[in-house]
Each structure stands twice: as structure tokens, then as C-alpha cells.
Protein backbone atom coordinates (compact mmCIF):
# COMPACT_ATOMS: atom_id res chain seq x y z
CA ALA A 1 -21.10 -50.83 -59.73
CA ASN A 2 -22.43 -51.22 -63.27
CA TRP A 3 -22.06 -49.05 -65.76
CA THR A 4 -23.51 -49.27 -69.37
CA GLU A 5 -21.00 -48.76 -72.91
CA ARG A 6 -19.76 -45.69 -73.01
CA ARG A 7 -21.98 -43.78 -75.90
CA LEU A 8 -20.15 -40.71 -77.75
CA LEU A 9 -23.12 -37.93 -78.00
CA SER A 10 -21.11 -35.11 -79.89
CA CYS A 11 -17.36 -35.05 -82.40
CA ILE A 12 -17.55 -31.68 -83.40
CA GLY A 13 -14.15 -30.45 -84.42
CA GLU A 14 -11.94 -31.83 -82.13
CA GLY A 15 -14.16 -32.28 -78.86
CA HIS A 16 -15.84 -30.01 -76.24
CA TYR A 17 -15.69 -29.24 -72.28
CA GLN A 18 -18.88 -29.31 -70.86
CA VAL A 19 -20.91 -28.99 -68.06
CA SER A 20 -24.52 -30.94 -66.94
CA ARG A 21 -26.99 -30.92 -64.42
CA GLU A 22 -30.15 -32.27 -63.27
CA LEU A 23 -32.83 -29.77 -64.00
CA THR A 24 -36.12 -31.82 -63.36
CA PRO A 25 -36.69 -35.05 -61.90
CA GLY A 26 -35.81 -37.46 -64.50
CA ARG A 27 -34.25 -34.78 -66.56
CA ILE A 28 -30.33 -33.93 -67.40
CA GLY A 29 -29.33 -30.70 -69.71
CA THR A 30 -25.99 -29.97 -70.93
CA SER A 31 -24.16 -27.37 -72.62
CA PHE A 32 -20.73 -27.23 -74.51
CA MET A 33 -18.26 -25.50 -76.66
CA TYR A 34 -16.14 -27.22 -79.53
CA HIS A 35 -12.50 -26.73 -80.25
CA PRO A 36 -12.03 -26.05 -84.40
CA LYS A 37 -10.10 -28.47 -86.51
CA GLY A 38 -6.53 -27.40 -86.24
CA LYS A 39 -6.50 -24.38 -84.21
CA GLY A 40 -5.31 -26.56 -81.63
CA LEU A 41 -6.58 -27.09 -77.70
CA ASN A 42 -6.26 -23.62 -76.54
CA HIS A 43 -8.96 -22.95 -79.13
CA ARG A 44 -13.03 -22.78 -78.03
CA THR A 45 -16.35 -21.17 -79.28
CA ASN A 46 -19.46 -21.67 -79.56
CA LEU A 47 -22.43 -22.68 -76.79
CA TYR A 48 -24.21 -25.40 -77.34
CA TYR A 49 -27.00 -27.01 -75.11
CA MET A 50 -29.24 -30.19 -75.44
CA GLU A 51 -31.18 -32.45 -72.71
CA SER A 52 -32.58 -35.91 -72.25
CA ASP A 53 -35.44 -37.14 -69.76
CA ASP A 54 -35.10 -41.09 -70.41
CA PHE A 55 -31.50 -41.46 -68.97
CA GLY A 56 -29.78 -40.28 -72.10
CA GLN A 57 -31.47 -42.56 -74.56
CA THR A 58 -32.96 -39.45 -76.74
CA TRP A 59 -31.34 -36.04 -76.83
CA LYS A 60 -33.31 -32.46 -77.69
CA THR A 61 -32.92 -29.41 -78.20
CA ALA A 62 -34.40 -26.99 -75.70
CA ASP A 63 -37.56 -26.22 -78.02
CA GLY A 64 -38.11 -30.61 -77.92
CA ARG A 65 -36.48 -31.71 -81.47
CA LYS A 66 -34.90 -34.81 -81.04
CA LEU A 67 -31.11 -35.24 -81.83
CA GLU A 68 -29.22 -37.77 -84.59
CA LEU A 69 -26.22 -38.67 -82.42
CA PRO A 70 -23.19 -38.25 -82.40
CA LEU A 71 -23.38 -34.61 -82.70
CA LYS A 72 -20.91 -33.39 -86.00
CA ASP A 73 -22.34 -30.17 -87.60
CA ILE A 74 -20.92 -27.49 -86.26
CA HIS A 75 -23.99 -25.09 -86.82
CA ASP A 76 -26.76 -27.95 -85.84
CA PRO A 77 -29.87 -27.62 -84.29
CA THR A 78 -28.08 -27.33 -80.68
CA LEU A 79 -25.95 -24.15 -81.21
CA VAL A 80 -27.12 -21.31 -78.80
CA HIS A 81 -24.92 -19.05 -79.82
CA ASP A 82 -22.32 -18.59 -83.02
CA TYR A 83 -19.42 -16.97 -81.08
CA GLU A 84 -17.15 -18.34 -84.22
CA SER A 85 -18.44 -15.97 -85.98
CA GLU A 86 -17.74 -12.98 -84.11
CA LYS A 87 -14.35 -13.97 -83.50
CA LEU A 88 -14.89 -14.97 -79.29
CA LEU A 89 -14.04 -17.95 -77.14
CA VAL A 90 -16.14 -19.51 -75.22
CA TYR A 91 -15.29 -20.80 -71.41
CA ILE A 92 -18.01 -22.84 -69.99
CA GLN A 93 -18.84 -21.94 -66.17
CA ASP A 94 -21.98 -23.49 -64.65
CA MET A 95 -25.78 -24.46 -65.85
CA THR A 96 -28.63 -23.89 -63.67
CA CYS A 97 -32.04 -23.63 -64.15
CA ASP A 98 -34.98 -21.33 -63.17
CA ALA A 99 -38.32 -22.24 -61.48
CA ASP A 100 -39.99 -23.73 -64.75
CA GLY A 101 -37.17 -26.07 -65.16
CA ARG A 102 -35.80 -23.80 -68.02
CA PRO A 103 -31.33 -24.26 -68.50
CA VAL A 104 -29.55 -20.96 -67.52
CA ILE A 105 -26.07 -21.20 -68.83
CA LEU A 106 -22.87 -19.10 -67.34
CA TYR A 107 -20.07 -18.60 -69.64
CA THR A 108 -17.00 -16.29 -70.12
CA THR A 109 -16.57 -14.81 -73.78
CA SER A 110 -12.97 -13.72 -74.71
CA LYS A 111 -10.86 -12.11 -77.42
CA GLY A 112 -8.02 -14.89 -77.04
CA TYR A 113 -6.39 -17.52 -74.84
CA GLU A 114 -4.00 -15.85 -74.09
CA SER A 115 -3.48 -14.24 -70.37
CA GLY A 116 -3.23 -10.73 -70.06
CA PRO A 117 -4.64 -7.46 -70.70
CA LYS A 118 -4.45 -7.73 -74.63
CA ASN A 119 -7.76 -10.13 -74.63
CA MET A 120 -9.87 -7.93 -72.33
CA PRO A 121 -13.08 -7.72 -72.11
CA ARG A 122 -13.57 -11.12 -70.70
CA THR A 123 -17.49 -10.71 -69.90
CA TRP A 124 -19.31 -12.80 -67.69
CA THR A 125 -22.43 -14.04 -69.86
CA THR A 126 -25.49 -15.91 -69.49
CA ALA A 127 -27.99 -17.61 -71.98
CA ARG A 128 -31.72 -18.37 -70.79
CA TRP A 129 -34.32 -20.30 -72.37
CA THR A 130 -37.47 -18.36 -72.65
CA GLY A 131 -39.52 -21.07 -73.65
CA THR A 132 -39.26 -20.12 -77.08
CA ALA A 133 -35.86 -18.52 -77.67
CA TRP A 134 -32.23 -17.98 -76.17
CA GLU A 135 -32.10 -15.06 -74.22
CA ILE A 136 -28.36 -13.54 -73.40
CA HIS A 137 -26.59 -11.09 -71.45
CA GLY A 138 -23.46 -10.32 -70.42
CA GLY A 139 -21.18 -6.79 -69.91
CA ASP A 140 -21.58 -5.82 -65.87
CA ILE A 141 -19.23 -8.52 -64.59
CA VAL A 142 -15.51 -8.45 -66.27
CA ALA A 143 -12.77 -10.76 -64.61
CA ASP A 144 -9.21 -10.58 -65.50
CA ASN A 145 -8.64 -14.33 -66.36
CA ASN A 146 -10.24 -17.18 -68.91
CA TYR A 147 -10.32 -19.24 -66.09
CA ASP A 148 -12.12 -17.55 -63.55
CA THR A 149 -15.25 -19.55 -62.29
CA GLY A 150 -17.77 -19.08 -60.44
CA SER A 151 -21.14 -20.56 -59.80
CA ILE A 152 -24.67 -18.94 -60.60
CA TYR A 153 -27.88 -19.82 -58.18
CA ILE A 154 -31.65 -19.12 -59.24
CA GLU A 155 -33.86 -18.75 -55.98
CA GLY A 156 -36.48 -17.00 -57.85
CA LYS A 157 -37.61 -15.16 -60.73
CA ASP A 158 -36.64 -12.00 -59.21
CA LEU A 159 -33.13 -13.14 -57.81
CA TRP A 160 -30.48 -14.47 -59.66
CA ARG A 161 -26.92 -14.62 -57.65
CA ILE A 162 -23.98 -15.30 -58.59
CA ILE A 163 -20.66 -15.99 -56.48
CA GLY A 164 -16.88 -15.95 -58.19
CA PRO A 165 -13.61 -14.99 -58.44
CA SER A 166 -14.56 -11.62 -60.63
CA GLN A 167 -12.63 -8.95 -58.99
CA ASP A 168 -8.79 -8.54 -59.67
CA GLY A 169 -6.28 -10.69 -57.05
CA PRO A 170 -2.70 -10.56 -56.30
CA GLN A 171 -1.41 -12.39 -59.41
CA ALA A 172 -3.03 -10.18 -62.09
CA TYR A 173 -4.35 -11.78 -64.96
CA ASN A 174 -3.79 -15.24 -63.96
CA PRO A 175 -7.06 -18.04 -63.03
CA GLY A 176 -8.71 -16.89 -59.99
CA GLY A 177 -9.15 -13.52 -58.14
CA GLU A 178 -11.24 -12.20 -55.15
CA VAL A 179 -14.44 -13.61 -55.00
CA ALA A 180 -17.26 -11.57 -55.06
CA MET A 181 -21.23 -11.84 -54.81
CA TRP A 182 -23.45 -10.47 -57.43
CA LEU A 183 -27.32 -10.03 -57.55
CA SER A 184 -29.34 -10.12 -60.69
CA ARG A 185 -33.46 -8.99 -59.91
CA ASP A 186 -33.75 -8.46 -64.11
CA GLN A 187 -33.24 -12.41 -64.80
CA GLY A 188 -29.84 -11.26 -66.57
CA LYS A 189 -30.09 -8.40 -68.07
CA SER A 190 -28.19 -6.09 -65.41
CA TRP A 191 -26.24 -6.98 -62.09
CA LYS A 192 -25.05 -5.19 -59.09
CA LEU A 193 -22.19 -6.08 -57.05
CA ALA A 194 -23.79 -7.36 -53.61
CA ARG A 195 -20.58 -7.65 -51.67
CA PRO A 196 -17.00 -8.93 -51.60
CA MET A 197 -16.36 -12.45 -50.21
CA THR A 198 -12.51 -12.22 -49.72
CA GLU A 199 -10.19 -9.16 -49.91
CA LYS A 200 -6.33 -8.84 -49.73
CA SER A 201 -5.76 -12.23 -49.86
CA GLU A 202 -2.04 -13.78 -49.99
CA TYR A 203 -3.17 -16.09 -53.13
CA ASN A 204 -5.96 -15.97 -55.95
CA HIS A 205 -9.51 -17.76 -55.03
CA SER A 206 -11.38 -19.48 -58.01
CA TYR A 207 -13.37 -22.42 -59.41
CA VAL A 208 -16.65 -21.63 -56.56
CA ARG A 209 -18.51 -24.84 -57.00
CA ARG A 210 -22.18 -24.61 -56.04
CA PRO A 211 -23.26 -28.13 -53.65
CA VAL A 212 -26.52 -30.35 -55.14
CA ASP A 213 -29.48 -28.79 -53.68
CA ALA A 214 -27.18 -26.35 -51.41
CA ASN A 215 -27.65 -25.58 -47.76
CA PRO A 216 -27.78 -22.10 -47.04
CA ASP A 217 -24.87 -22.64 -44.68
CA PHE A 218 -22.87 -24.43 -47.28
CA TYR A 219 -23.95 -22.37 -50.59
CA GLY A 220 -20.65 -22.55 -51.97
CA PHE A 221 -16.79 -23.82 -51.75
CA TRP A 222 -13.86 -22.93 -53.74
CA ALA A 223 -9.58 -23.14 -53.47
CA ASP A 224 -7.05 -20.79 -53.61
CA GLY A 225 -3.56 -20.69 -54.64
CA HIS A 226 -0.68 -18.69 -56.07
CA GLY A 227 -1.15 -18.01 -59.90
CA ARG A 228 2.10 -18.26 -61.11
CA LYS A 229 4.60 -20.86 -58.65
CA PRO A 230 3.79 -24.10 -56.75
CA SER A 231 2.25 -23.26 -53.27
CA ASP A 232 -0.13 -24.63 -50.72
CA SER A 233 -3.65 -24.31 -51.15
CA ARG A 234 -6.61 -23.74 -48.78
CA LEU A 235 -10.23 -25.28 -49.26
CA TYR A 236 -12.63 -22.33 -48.51
CA PHE A 237 -16.81 -22.46 -48.03
CA CYS A 238 -19.33 -19.43 -47.87
CA ASN A 239 -22.85 -19.26 -46.44
CA LYS A 240 -25.82 -17.80 -48.39
CA GLU A 241 -25.16 -14.47 -47.16
């Protein structure tokens, strides 16, 4: 019913996409990329993170350094990894936390914004804050579109789960695909395909979302639709298994 005045937190380049979540009671984190000036909003790169434990009054880096806002510097203290120097784009999918409340970010790296095979590989990657540094891993999961988007679940130190449209769908190289479940037992260093969730679909599926405090019987939900023309769209959900 009542909201405070809008406060600008970051204005690096020409803006951002971001994901956020509560990590521990009263503490929120946000991860974002940025649009470099003069390259258009299709170009997005770098990975950033910051958090607040006082309802947004002050913001800090993962290691607790207080930030001066709004952020303006491309290489400010919130920078997790400089993908711009590697000429890679960044598409953020989701963020969660481990049992210690440390952030884990799921995102895609890509060689370009155009759809099609020339910008492969589109690699699903995780960045985990260890308490002293960011640990980045990726390579086992490769999707065929920058907007193939899923969610990450951390259920224990030795059990991470991803549910998302990582498999090729009926409209190849368009957003979405067939949904699959992946498991990691080494904190994202390696992933194994646990099972396909959809097969032989009419349309591409995408944007699997994780409900807050997900019940095992309602563990993810998403929609489908034709990747190249107007179509109907159906809403799906899955349980933990």
C-alpha cells in the first residue's frame, strides 16, 4: 500500500537486467549484468553482485565492503567476472544460496546475441561465493538459445539441482526447448543429466521458475509456446522428482 521513493542503485553503461532473492532472513542479494554504451540493448556482458541486510539502506559486496551508490564504474567492487574482456555476453537465469547463505548465480555465456548456431556454445555457468572468492564453473550444460532459462536449487552441500530447457526443442535455436533435470554433487564443478522432463513436444518450453520455499509437489513451473509464430501457450509444473 505504501512504498518509499525509488532509489537508483546502479547506472553502469545503459542499464541492467537482474535477479534477486532473500538469502537469509532480512538479507537480500541481487546479481546483474550491464549494457555497454553505444552497442544497443542486445549487447549485455559482465557479472555483478551486491547485497543488503538493512532493507536497502546500505549495500555491500559479497565480502562486506560498503558501496557508494549509485554504481557507475564498469570495474567497480561488485564485479564478479569481467566477461567483456573475453568478448562474451551474459544472460542471468537465477540466483539462490547455499546452506551458509552464500549466493550462487546461474547464468548463460554466449558469443553473440543473434540466434542460430554461429554463436554456440551457449554455456550454462554457475558463480558461487565461497566466503573469500567467486568460484566459477561451466561447460557440461550447453543450450541452443540465449533465452533458454531455468532455475537452480541447492538442497545440500553435495546436491545441487537445475531444472530448465537445456535440450533442443521442436523450434531449434529459438527461445526454449525440452526441459531436463540436471544434478551436481560437487558444487557445480560437473553436472549429470538426471532425466528429461519433456519430450517430443509441439512447442518449445522455457523460463522454469522456482517457487519461494518450494514444496516438493510444486517444485518448478513454466510455459510453452511456438518459437517462431503466434500460438497458444500452456502452463506446466513439476514435482521434485
